[in-house]
Structures are given as structure tokens and as C-alpha cells.
Amino acid sequence: MQKNYFNQQEQRHVFICDQQAIYAMGCSQLAKAHPMCNGYRILNSLDEVSSANFGLSQGLLIIDCAMFDFDSLAVKKKIKAIQQIFPCIILLNKDTPDFILYQLIELEVDVIVSRNMSSLEWNKAVEMACQHKVFFCQDTAERVLQLTQVMDKINLIERVNALSLYDKYILIRICEEASSKQIAAELKHSKRTIEGHRTRLMQTLGVKNVAGLVKIALITKLYEHYLSNPGWYASFLLAKTSSL
């Protein structure tokens, strides 16, 4: 059943651009055995990809991400241009930094896999690339999940850092279980004003209750910063200004 399905698909010539010659040869053997592949060619540089005419509808490029210079401002343009030639499978190395994986995802590369993927994952990668569908091998999927969690935390930290010192102080006092009435007395504002700030904090930080605010203050280490720098927040009390 699976073989018939593959036979209905358009076969492609595989072009392998890899710094690691041994892996490139192993990849070529997998390509020879795959029913969607009708031959292979090993390339030595990205220049061969952009300069040669491989045929727009009959190629599949497997490329080592180390072939790209991610320090270059033109790297995004180059990756986009390559993707327009024909489908791509990008190979990650064990030491590939997370920021490179993040850039590849931002550039909407469909298939991103690691060298230690299984032969079954390799076959699936070829199939999905030819159909222009997104696919990560298990190892890459785990890295993407971790990266997503890290980016969520970074975005949360940025939102907390963007808060006014007034709101940060209210958030800190909430962590210390201070009531709105207590905080209002400290800041010389009404209880209603403090409650308004607390509601806006929940909306800004995307939480539903005070427990969510406390969690964010701990995750982003705002409360830890307060404990290390109490004088910074004490001097703020002299201002007592509300943005509401």
C-alpha cells in the first residue's frame, strides 16, 4: 500500500550539500533506496545550488545548516532563495545553537531534522518535504518545544520589564501577601486605584488571578531582584505616582 502511494508521487533527484563527507555518502545511500528519489548528486557548496539549473519541479535539497553563515545579514535572503528553487531538508548538527533553529523556523523552513534521526524519520522527512509540509524528527521536535518554552519566558520577562516601577512595586507587594488597602496606604493612593492596577496587571500578563501574578513575579525573578535591591524600590516610594 505504501509503495503504491509513493509511486503516485513525482520522483525527485536528491542534491546533498553537506560539510561532512561521510554523512553525505550515507545520505546518498538512503536516497537511492527511497521510492520517491530517482538519483542523487553531492554538492560541495551553496554556490552550486544557486548557480546550477537543477529543474524546478524535480529536485530535493538536503543541506547541512553549517553551510550557511548565520552571522551574515544576507543569510535569510539566501535561505529564502534556495527554498524557491525546490523543497529543502535542513540538517541540524549536535552543536547547532538554538538561535539558528529559531531562525530556520522563522524562515518557514518546512523540514528540519537532526543527524541522529532514524531511517523511518528520514523517509518521512523526504515525503513531507516533497509535499511542502512541516516535519521535525523527534530530536528536533523536543528542541523546538524547549525553545518555545524559553521564548515564552523571554517574552514574559520583556512584558514584566516594560511595566512601570509603580506596577512592579504593586506586583512585589502582592507577592508578600499585602492587601490592596495596605498597598494603597504605602503609595498614598486609594484602594480603588490599586485594585485598578492589579486588574490591569492581570490583563497585561495574561493571568486570571493573584496567584498567577505571584507565579510570574517568581518566574521572571522580579521578586528576587527586589530582595537583592530593596533600596531601589524604597526610593521609588518617594514618587508615589499612578499612571491610572
C-alpha atoms as a PDB file:
ATOM      1  CA  MET A   1       0.000   0.000   0.000  1.00  0.00           C
ATOM      2  CA  GLN A   2       2.746   2.459   0.974  1.00  0.00           C
ATOM      3  CA  LYS A   3       4.809   1.612  -2.110  1.00  0.00           C
ATOM      4  CA  ASN A   4       1.857   2.312  -4.405  1.00  0.00           C
ATOM      5  CA  TYR A   5       1.334   5.618  -2.670  1.00  0.00           C
ATOM      6  CA  PHE A   6       4.947   6.646  -3.230  1.00  0.00           C
ATOM      7  CA  ASN A   7       4.802   5.586  -6.849  1.00  0.00           C
ATOM      8  CA  GLN A   8       1.973   8.043  -7.398  1.00  0.00           C
ATOM      9  CA  GLN A   9       4.199  10.884  -6.244  1.00  0.00           C
ATOM     10  CA  GLU A  10       6.572  12.728  -8.514  1.00  0.00           C
ATOM     11  CA  GLN A  11      10.084  11.340  -8.122  1.00  0.00           C
ATOM     12  CA  ARG A  12      12.857  13.793  -7.395  1.00  0.00           C
ATOM     13  CA  HIS A  13      16.582  13.967  -7.838  1.00  0.00           C
ATOM     14  CA  VAL A  14      18.284  14.497  -4.467  1.00  0.00           C
ATOM     15  CA  PHE A  15      21.041  17.076  -4.061  1.00  0.00           C
ATOM     16  CA  ILE A  16      23.093  16.725  -0.882  1.00  0.00           C
ATOM     17  CA  CYS A  17      25.080  19.723   0.330  1.00  0.00           C
ATOM     18  CA  ASP A  18      26.969  18.692   3.446  1.00  0.00           C
ATOM     19  CA  GLN A  19      30.289  19.536   5.066  1.00  0.00           C
ATOM     20  CA  GLN A  20      30.559  16.011   6.459  1.00  0.00           C
ATOM     21  CA  ALA A  21      31.506  13.800   3.515  1.00  0.00           C
ATOM     22  CA  ILE A  22      30.839  10.506   5.314  1.00  0.00           C
ATOM     23  CA  TYR A  23      27.328  11.558   6.279  1.00  0.00           C
ATOM     24  CA  ALA A  24      26.725  12.811   2.747  1.00  0.00           C
ATOM     25  CA  MET A  25      27.597   9.381   1.394  1.00  0.00           C
ATOM     26  CA  GLY A  26      25.327   7.688   3.919  1.00  0.00           C
ATOM     27  CA  CYS A  27      22.567  10.096   2.975  1.00  0.00           C
ATOM     28  CA  SER A  28      23.066   9.260  -0.680  1.00  0.00           C
ATOM     29  CA  GLN A  29      22.520   5.557   0.055  1.00  0.00           C
ATOM     30  CA  LEU A  30      19.253   6.354   1.827  1.00  0.00           C
ATOM     31  CA  ALA A  31      18.227   8.436  -1.172  1.00  0.00           C
ATOM     32  CA  LYS A  32      18.942   5.579  -3.566  1.00  0.00           C
ATOM     33  CA  ALA A  33      16.693   3.292  -1.523  1.00  0.00           C
ATOM     34  CA  HIS A  34      13.809   5.747  -1.256  1.00  0.00           C
ATOM     35  CA  PRO A  35      10.973   5.237  -3.802  1.00  0.00           C
ATOM     36  CA  MET A  36      10.466   9.000  -4.191  1.00  0.00           C
ATOM     37  CA  CYS A  37      14.104   9.566  -5.189  1.00  0.00           C
ATOM     38  CA  ASN A  38      15.499   8.819  -8.643  1.00  0.00           C
ATOM     39  CA  GLY A  39      19.165   9.582  -8.118  1.00  0.00           C
ATOM     40  CA  TYR A  40      21.446  11.883  -6.182  1.00  0.00           C
ATOM     41  CA  ARG A  41      24.277  14.340  -6.504  1.00  0.00           C
ATOM     42  CA  ILE A  42      26.635  15.581  -3.773  1.00  0.00           C
ATOM     43  CA  LEU A  43      27.348  19.322  -3.816  1.00  0.00           C
ATOM     44  CA  ASN A  44      30.377  20.971  -2.265  1.00  0.00           C
ATOM     45  CA  SER A  45      28.969  24.456  -1.649  1.00  0.00           C
ATOM     46  CA  LEU A  46      25.851  26.572  -1.642  1.00  0.00           C
ATOM     47  CA  ASP A  47      27.109  28.354  -4.743  1.00  0.00           C
ATOM     48  CA  GLU A  48      26.412  25.189  -6.724  1.00  0.00           C
ATOM     49  CA  VAL A  49      22.806  25.305  -5.540  1.00  0.00           C
ATOM     50  CA  SER A  50      22.155  28.870  -6.682  1.00  0.00           C
ATOM     51  CA  SER A  51      24.204  28.754  -9.898  1.00  0.00           C
ATOM     52  CA  ALA A  52      23.196  25.401 -11.388  1.00  0.00           C
ATOM     53  CA  ASN A  53      19.914  24.664 -13.132  1.00  0.00           C
ATOM     54  CA  PHE A  54      18.538  21.556 -11.445  1.00  0.00           C
ATOM     55  CA  GLY A  55      14.944  21.779 -12.628  1.00  0.00           C
ATOM     56  CA  LEU A  56      12.267  23.495 -10.584  1.00  0.00           C
ATOM     57  CA  SER A  57       9.955  20.522 -10.140  1.00  0.00           C
ATOM     58  CA  GLN A  58      12.295  17.553  -9.881  1.00  0.00           C
ATOM     59  CA  GLY A  59      14.782  18.440  -7.164  1.00  0.00           C
ATOM     60  CA  LEU A  60      15.058  17.860  -3.418  1.00  0.00           C
ATOM     61  CA  LEU A  61      17.835  19.576  -1.495  1.00  0.00           C
ATOM     62  CA  ILE A  62      19.294  18.152   1.716  1.00  0.00           C
ATOM     63  CA  ILE A  63      21.559  20.734   3.275  1.00  0.00           C
ATOM     64  CA  ASP A  64      23.761  20.934   6.353  1.00  0.00           C
ATOM     65  CA  CYS A  65      22.829  24.084   8.300  1.00  0.00           C
ATOM     66  CA  ALA A  66      26.554  24.666   8.902  1.00  0.00           C
ATOM     67  CA  MET A  67      26.815  25.562   5.218  1.00  0.00           C
ATOM     68  CA  PHE A  68      25.038  28.834   5.997  1.00  0.00           C
ATOM     69  CA  ASP A  69      26.836  31.809   7.505  1.00  0.00           C
ATOM     70  CA  PHE A  70      24.285  32.880  10.093  1.00  0.00           C
ATOM     71  CA  ASP A  71      26.444  35.864  11.048  1.00  0.00           C
ATOM     72  CA  SER A  72      25.804  37.314   7.600  1.00  0.00           C
ATOM     73  CA  LEU A  73      22.946  39.757   7.146  1.00  0.00           C
ATOM     74  CA  ALA A  74      22.204  38.115   3.808  1.00  0.00           C
ATOM     75  CA  VAL A  75      21.651  34.615   5.202  1.00  0.00           C
ATOM     76  CA  LYS A  76      17.853  34.968   5.424  1.00  0.00           C
ATOM     77  CA  LYS A  77      17.681  36.103   1.812  1.00  0.00           C
ATOM     78  CA  LYS A  78      19.858  33.159   0.739  1.00  0.00           C
ATOM     79  CA  ILE A  79      17.719  30.583   2.567  1.00  0.00           C
ATOM     80  CA  LYS A  80      14.543  32.075   1.086  1.00  0.00           C
ATOM     81  CA  ALA A  81      16.075  31.965  -2.380  1.00  0.00           C
ATOM     82  CA  ILE A  82      17.101  28.319  -2.000  1.00  0.00           C
ATOM     83  CA  GLN A  83      13.609  27.355  -0.840  1.00  0.00           C
ATOM     84  CA  GLN A  84      12.240  28.846  -4.055  1.00  0.00           C
ATOM     85  CA  ILE A  85      14.385  26.504  -6.151  1.00  0.00           C
ATOM     86  CA  PHE A  86      12.907  23.298  -4.737  1.00  0.00           C
ATOM     87  CA  PRO A  87      11.952  21.607  -1.434  1.00  0.00           C
ATOM     88  CA  CYS A  88      14.585  21.527   1.306  1.00  0.00           C
ATOM     89  CA  ILE A  89      15.516  19.360   4.248  1.00  0.00           C
ATOM     90  CA  ILE A  90      17.768  21.203   6.697  1.00  0.00           C
ATOM     91  CA  LEU A  91      20.128  19.095   8.817  1.00  0.00           C
ATOM     92  CA  LEU A  92      20.995  20.224  12.342  1.00  0.00           C
ATOM     93  CA  ASN A  93      24.276  19.256  13.945  1.00  0.00           C
ATOM     94  CA  LYS A  94      24.602  18.262  17.590  1.00  0.00           C
ATOM     95  CA  ASP A  95      26.224  21.607  18.416  1.00  0.00           C
ATOM     96  CA  THR A  96      23.854  23.779  16.339  1.00  0.00           C
ATOM     97  CA  PRO A  97      22.853  26.723  18.593  1.00  0.00           C
ATOM     98  CA  ASP A  98      19.200  27.244  19.426  1.00  0.00           C
ATOM     99  CA  PHE A  99      19.187  30.686  17.823  1.00  0.00           C
ATOM    100  CA  ILE A 100      19.881  29.051  14.445  1.00  0.00           C
ATOM    101  CA  LEU A 101      16.966  26.654  14.908  1.00  0.00           C
ATOM    102  CA  TYR A 102      14.815  29.655  15.828  1.00  0.00           C
ATOM    103  CA  GLN A 103      15.867  31.494  12.655  1.00  0.00           C
ATOM    104  CA  LEU A 104      15.082  28.462  10.489  1.00  0.00           C
ATOM    105  CA  ILE A 105      11.599  28.248  11.996  1.00  0.00           C
ATOM    106  CA  GLU A 106      11.080  31.987  11.445  1.00  0.00           C
ATOM    107  CA  LEU A 107      12.085  31.499   7.800  1.00  0.00           C
ATOM    108  CA  GLU A 108       9.361  28.835   7.496  1.00  0.00           C
ATOM    109  CA  VAL A 109      11.693  26.001   6.553  1.00  0.00           C
ATOM    110  CA  ASP A 110       9.313  23.047   6.275  1.00  0.00           C
ATOM    111  CA  VAL A 111      11.556  20.164   7.280  1.00  0.00           C
ATOM    112  CA  ILE A 112      14.237  20.434   9.985  1.00  0.00           C
ATOM    113  CA  VAL A 113      15.891  17.265  11.245  1.00  0.00           C
ATOM    114  CA  SER A 114      18.972  16.147  13.152  1.00  0.00           C
ATOM    115  CA  ARG A 115      21.698  13.781  12.018  1.00  0.00           C
ATOM    116  CA  ASN A 116      20.735  11.142  14.569  1.00  0.00           C
ATOM    117  CA  MET A 117      17.222  10.672  13.172  1.00  0.00           C
ATOM    118  CA  SER A 118      16.070   7.148  12.390  1.00  0.00           C
ATOM    119  CA  SER A 119      15.745   5.777   8.858  1.00  0.00           C
ATOM    120  CA  LEU A 120      11.965   5.894   9.257  1.00  0.00           C
ATOM    121  CA  GLU A 121      12.193   9.588  10.155  1.00  0.00           C
ATOM    122  CA  TRP A 122      14.459  10.168   7.147  1.00  0.00           C
ATOM    123  CA  ASN A 123      11.865   8.614   4.840  1.00  0.00           C
ATOM    124  CA  LYS A 124       9.117  10.715   6.404  1.00  0.00           C
ATOM    125  CA  ALA A 125      11.249  13.849   6.047  1.00  0.00           C
ATOM    126  CA  VAL A 126      11.605  13.234   2.304  1.00  0.00           C
ATOM    127  CA  GLU A 127       7.885  12.655   1.903  1.00  0.00           C
ATOM    128  CA  MET A 128       6.899  15.772   3.855  1.00  0.00           C
ATOM    129  CA  ALA A 129       9.460  17.994   2.112  1.00  0.00           C
ATOM    130  CA  CYS A 130       8.156  16.969  -1.297  1.00  0.00           C
ATOM    131  CA  GLN A 131       4.638  17.844  -0.164  1.00  0.00           C
ATOM    132  CA  HIS A 132       5.784  21.166   1.353  1.00  0.00           C
ATOM    133  CA  LYS A 133       4.537  20.110   4.780  1.00  0.00           C
ATOM    134  CA  VAL A 134       6.146  20.820   8.144  1.00  0.00           C
ATOM    135  CA  PHE A 135       8.089  17.980   9.754  1.00  0.00           C
ATOM    136  CA  PHE A 136      10.546  17.691  12.644  1.00  0.00           C
ATOM    137  CA  CYS A 137      12.222  14.474  13.700  1.00  0.00           C
ATOM    138  CA  GLN A 138      11.749  13.555  17.365  1.00  0.00           C
ATOM    139  CA  ASP A 139      15.050  15.106  18.462  1.00  0.00           C
ATOM    140  CA  THR A 140      14.290  18.381  16.676  1.00  0.00           C
ATOM    141  CA  ALA A 141      10.703  18.415  17.936  1.00  0.00           C
ATOM    142  CA  GLU A 142      11.995  18.201  21.512  1.00  0.00           C
ATOM    143  CA  ARG A 143      14.361  21.102  20.854  1.00  0.00           C
ATOM    144  CA  VAL A 144      11.544  23.149  19.322  1.00  0.00           C
ATOM    145  CA  LEU A 145       9.388  22.505  22.402  1.00  0.00           C
ATOM    146  CA  GLN A 146      12.192  23.594  24.721  1.00  0.00           C
ATOM    147  CA  LEU A 147      12.864  26.626  22.545  1.00  0.00           C
ATOM    148  CA  THR A 148       9.181  27.574  22.603  1.00  0.00           C
ATOM    149  CA  GLN A 149       9.182  27.415  26.390  1.00  0.00           C
ATOM    150  CA  VAL A 150      12.331  29.539  26.553  1.00  0.00           C
ATOM    151  CA  MET A 151      10.897  32.102  24.132  1.00  0.00           C
ATOM    152  CA  ASP A 152       7.664  32.242  26.120  1.00  0.00           C
ATOM    153  CA  LYS A 153       9.716  33.012  29.227  1.00  0.00           C
ATOM    154  CA  ILE A 154      11.746  35.655  27.397  1.00  0.00           C
ATOM    155  CA  ASN A 155       8.561  37.318  26.141  1.00  0.00           C
ATOM    156  CA  LEU A 156       7.151  37.238  29.664  1.00  0.00           C
ATOM    157  CA  ILE A 157      10.313  38.823  31.070  1.00  0.00           C
ATOM    158  CA  GLU A 158      10.096  41.556  28.433  1.00  0.00           C
ATOM    159  CA  ARG A 159       6.489  42.280  29.412  1.00  0.00           C
ATOM    160  CA  VAL A 160       7.421  42.486  33.102  1.00  0.00           C
ATOM    161  CA  ASN A 161      10.404  44.726  32.336  1.00  0.00           C
ATOM    162  CA  ALA A 162       8.093  47.035  30.394  1.00  0.00           C
ATOM    163  CA  LEU A 163       5.917  47.610  33.461  1.00  0.00           C
ATOM    164  CA  SER A 164       6.180  50.911  35.270  1.00  0.00           C
ATOM    165  CA  LEU A 165       8.036  50.878  38.578  1.00  0.00           C
ATOM    166  CA  TYR A 166       4.693  51.668  40.196  1.00  0.00           C
ATOM    167  CA  ASP A 167       3.158  48.448  38.836  1.00  0.00           C
ATOM    168  CA  LYS A 168       6.267  46.449  39.658  1.00  0.00           C
ATOM    169  CA  TYR A 169       6.031  47.593  43.267  1.00  0.00           C
ATOM    170  CA  ILE A 170       2.368  46.567  43.446  1.00  0.00           C
ATOM    171  CA  LEU A 171       3.291  43.172  41.989  1.00  0.00           C
ATOM    172  CA  ILE A 172       6.059  42.732  44.550  1.00  0.00           C
ATOM    173  CA  ARG A 173       3.765  43.649  47.451  1.00  0.00           C
ATOM    174  CA  ILE A 174       1.168  41.182  46.150  1.00  0.00           C
ATOM    175  CA  CYS A 175       3.869  38.503  46.400  1.00  0.00           C
ATOM    176  CA  GLU A 176       4.265  39.482  50.047  1.00  0.00           C
ATOM    177  CA  GLU A 177       0.512  38.994  50.566  1.00  0.00           C
ATOM    178  CA  ALA A 178      -0.106  42.689  51.135  1.00  0.00           C
ATOM    179  CA  SER A 179      -3.745  43.712  50.729  1.00  0.00           C
ATOM    180  CA  SER A 180      -4.888  46.422  48.325  1.00  0.00           C
ATOM    181  CA  LYS A 181      -5.645  48.580  51.365  1.00  0.00           C
ATOM    182  CA  GLN A 182      -2.075  48.185  52.670  1.00  0.00           C
ATOM    183  CA  ILE A 183      -0.529  48.947  49.287  1.00  0.00           C
ATOM    184  CA  ALA A 184      -2.818  51.983  48.888  1.00  0.00           C
ATOM    185  CA  ALA A 185      -1.641  53.363  52.232  1.00  0.00           C
ATOM    186  CA  GLU A 186       2.019  52.931  51.258  1.00  0.00           C
ATOM    187  CA  LEU A 187       1.549  54.649  47.903  1.00  0.00           C
ATOM    188  CA  LYS A 188      -0.830  57.303  49.196  1.00  0.00           C
ATOM    189  CA  HIS A 189      -3.492  56.330  46.703  1.00  0.00           C
ATOM    190  CA  SER A 190      -6.980  54.942  47.035  1.00  0.00           C
ATOM    191  CA  LYS A 191      -7.738  51.265  47.387  1.00  0.00           C
ATOM    192  CA  ARG A 192      -9.743  51.508  44.164  1.00  0.00           C
ATOM    193  CA  THR A 193      -6.698  52.818  42.284  1.00  0.00           C
ATOM    194  CA  ILE A 194      -4.580  49.885  43.467  1.00  0.00           C
ATOM    195  CA  GLU A 195      -7.301  47.417  42.522  1.00  0.00           C
ATOM    196  CA  GLY A 196      -7.431  49.000  39.066  1.00  0.00           C
ATOM    197  CA  HIS A 197      -3.685  48.488  38.665  1.00  0.00           C
ATOM    198  CA  ARG A 198      -3.982  44.901  39.842  1.00  0.00           C
ATOM    199  CA  THR A 199      -6.695  44.178  37.269  1.00  0.00           C
ATOM    200  CA  ARG A 200      -4.624  45.763  34.524  1.00  0.00           C
ATOM    201  CA  LEU A 201      -1.597  43.707  35.581  1.00  0.00           C
ATOM    202  CA  MET A 202      -3.622  40.518  35.185  1.00  0.00           C
ATOM    203  CA  GLN A 203      -4.723  41.596  31.718  1.00  0.00           C
ATOM    204  CA  THR A 204      -1.221  42.656  30.638  1.00  0.00           C
ATOM    205  CA  LEU A 205       0.437  39.478  31.894  1.00  0.00           C
ATOM    206  CA  GLY A 206      -2.350  37.149  30.774  1.00  0.00           C
ATOM    207  CA  VAL A 207      -3.326  35.637  34.137  1.00  0.00           C
ATOM    208  CA  LYS A 208      -6.712  35.205  35.806  1.00  0.00           C
ATOM    209  CA  ASN A 209      -5.945  35.705  39.485  1.00  0.00           C
ATOM    210  CA  VAL A 210      -3.474  36.933  42.078  1.00  0.00           C
ATOM    211  CA  ALA A 211      -1.780  33.524  42.212  1.00  0.00           C
ATOM    212  CA  GLY A 212      -0.918  33.953  38.528  1.00  0.00           C
ATOM    213  CA  LEU A 213       0.684  37.333  39.251  1.00  0.00           C
ATOM    214  CA  VAL A 214       2.784  35.814  42.034  1.00  0.00           C
ATOM    215  CA  LYS A 215       3.903  32.996  39.743  1.00  0.00           C
ATOM    216  CA  ILE A 216       5.029  35.456  37.076  1.00  0.00           C
ATOM    217  CA  ALA A 217       6.931  37.580  39.591  1.00  0.00           C
ATOM    218  CA  LEU A 218       8.827  34.460  40.666  1.00  0.00           C
ATOM    219  CA  ILE A 219       9.402  33.035  37.167  1.00  0.00           C
ATOM    220  CA  THR A 220      10.761  36.328  35.817  1.00  0.00           C
ATOM    221  CA  LYS A 221      12.814  36.827  39.003  1.00  0.00           C
ATOM    222  CA  LEU A 222      11.251  40.240  39.652  1.00  0.00           C
ATOM    223  CA  TYR A 223      10.771  39.351  43.295  1.00  0.00           C
ATOM    224  CA  GLU A 224      14.342  38.054  43.511  1.00  0.00           C
ATOM    225  CA  HIS A 225      15.545  41.386  42.108  1.00  0.00           C
ATOM    226  CA  TYR A 226      13.533  43.193  44.760  1.00  0.00           C
ATOM    227  CA  LEU A 227      15.103  41.145  47.565  1.00  0.00           C
ATOM    228  CA  SER A 228      18.574  41.935  46.209  1.00  0.00           C
ATOM    229  CA  ASN A 229      17.847  45.633  45.609  1.00  0.00           C
ATOM    230  CA  PRO A 230      15.337  46.798  48.258  1.00  0.00           C
ATOM    231  CA  GLY A 231      16.757  50.315  48.243  1.00  0.00           C
ATOM    232  CA  TRP A 232      15.773  50.784  44.581  1.00  0.00           C
ATOM    233  CA  TYR A 233      12.124  50.178  45.381  1.00  0.00           C
ATOM    234  CA  ALA A 234      12.251  52.088  48.679  1.00  0.00           C
ATOM    235  CA  SER A 235      13.405  55.225  46.848  1.00  0.00           C
ATOM    236  CA  PHE A 236      10.509  54.785  44.467  1.00  0.00           C
ATOM    237  CA  LEU A 237       8.055  55.248  47.330  1.00  0.00           C
ATOM    238  CA  LEU A 238       9.017  58.930  47.367  1.00  0.00           C
ATOM    239  CA  ALA A 239       7.413  59.405  43.961  1.00  0.00           C
ATOM    240  CA  LYS A 240       4.001  57.845  44.621  1.00  0.00           C
ATOM    241  CA  THR A 241       2.681  58.430  41.109  1.00  0.00           C
ATOM    242  CA  SER A 242      -0.016  56.393  39.408  1.00  0.00           C
ATOM    243  CA  SER A 243      -0.496  56.015  35.650  1.00  0.00           C
ATOM    244  CA  LEU A 244      -4.225  55.491  36.034  1.00  0.00           C
END
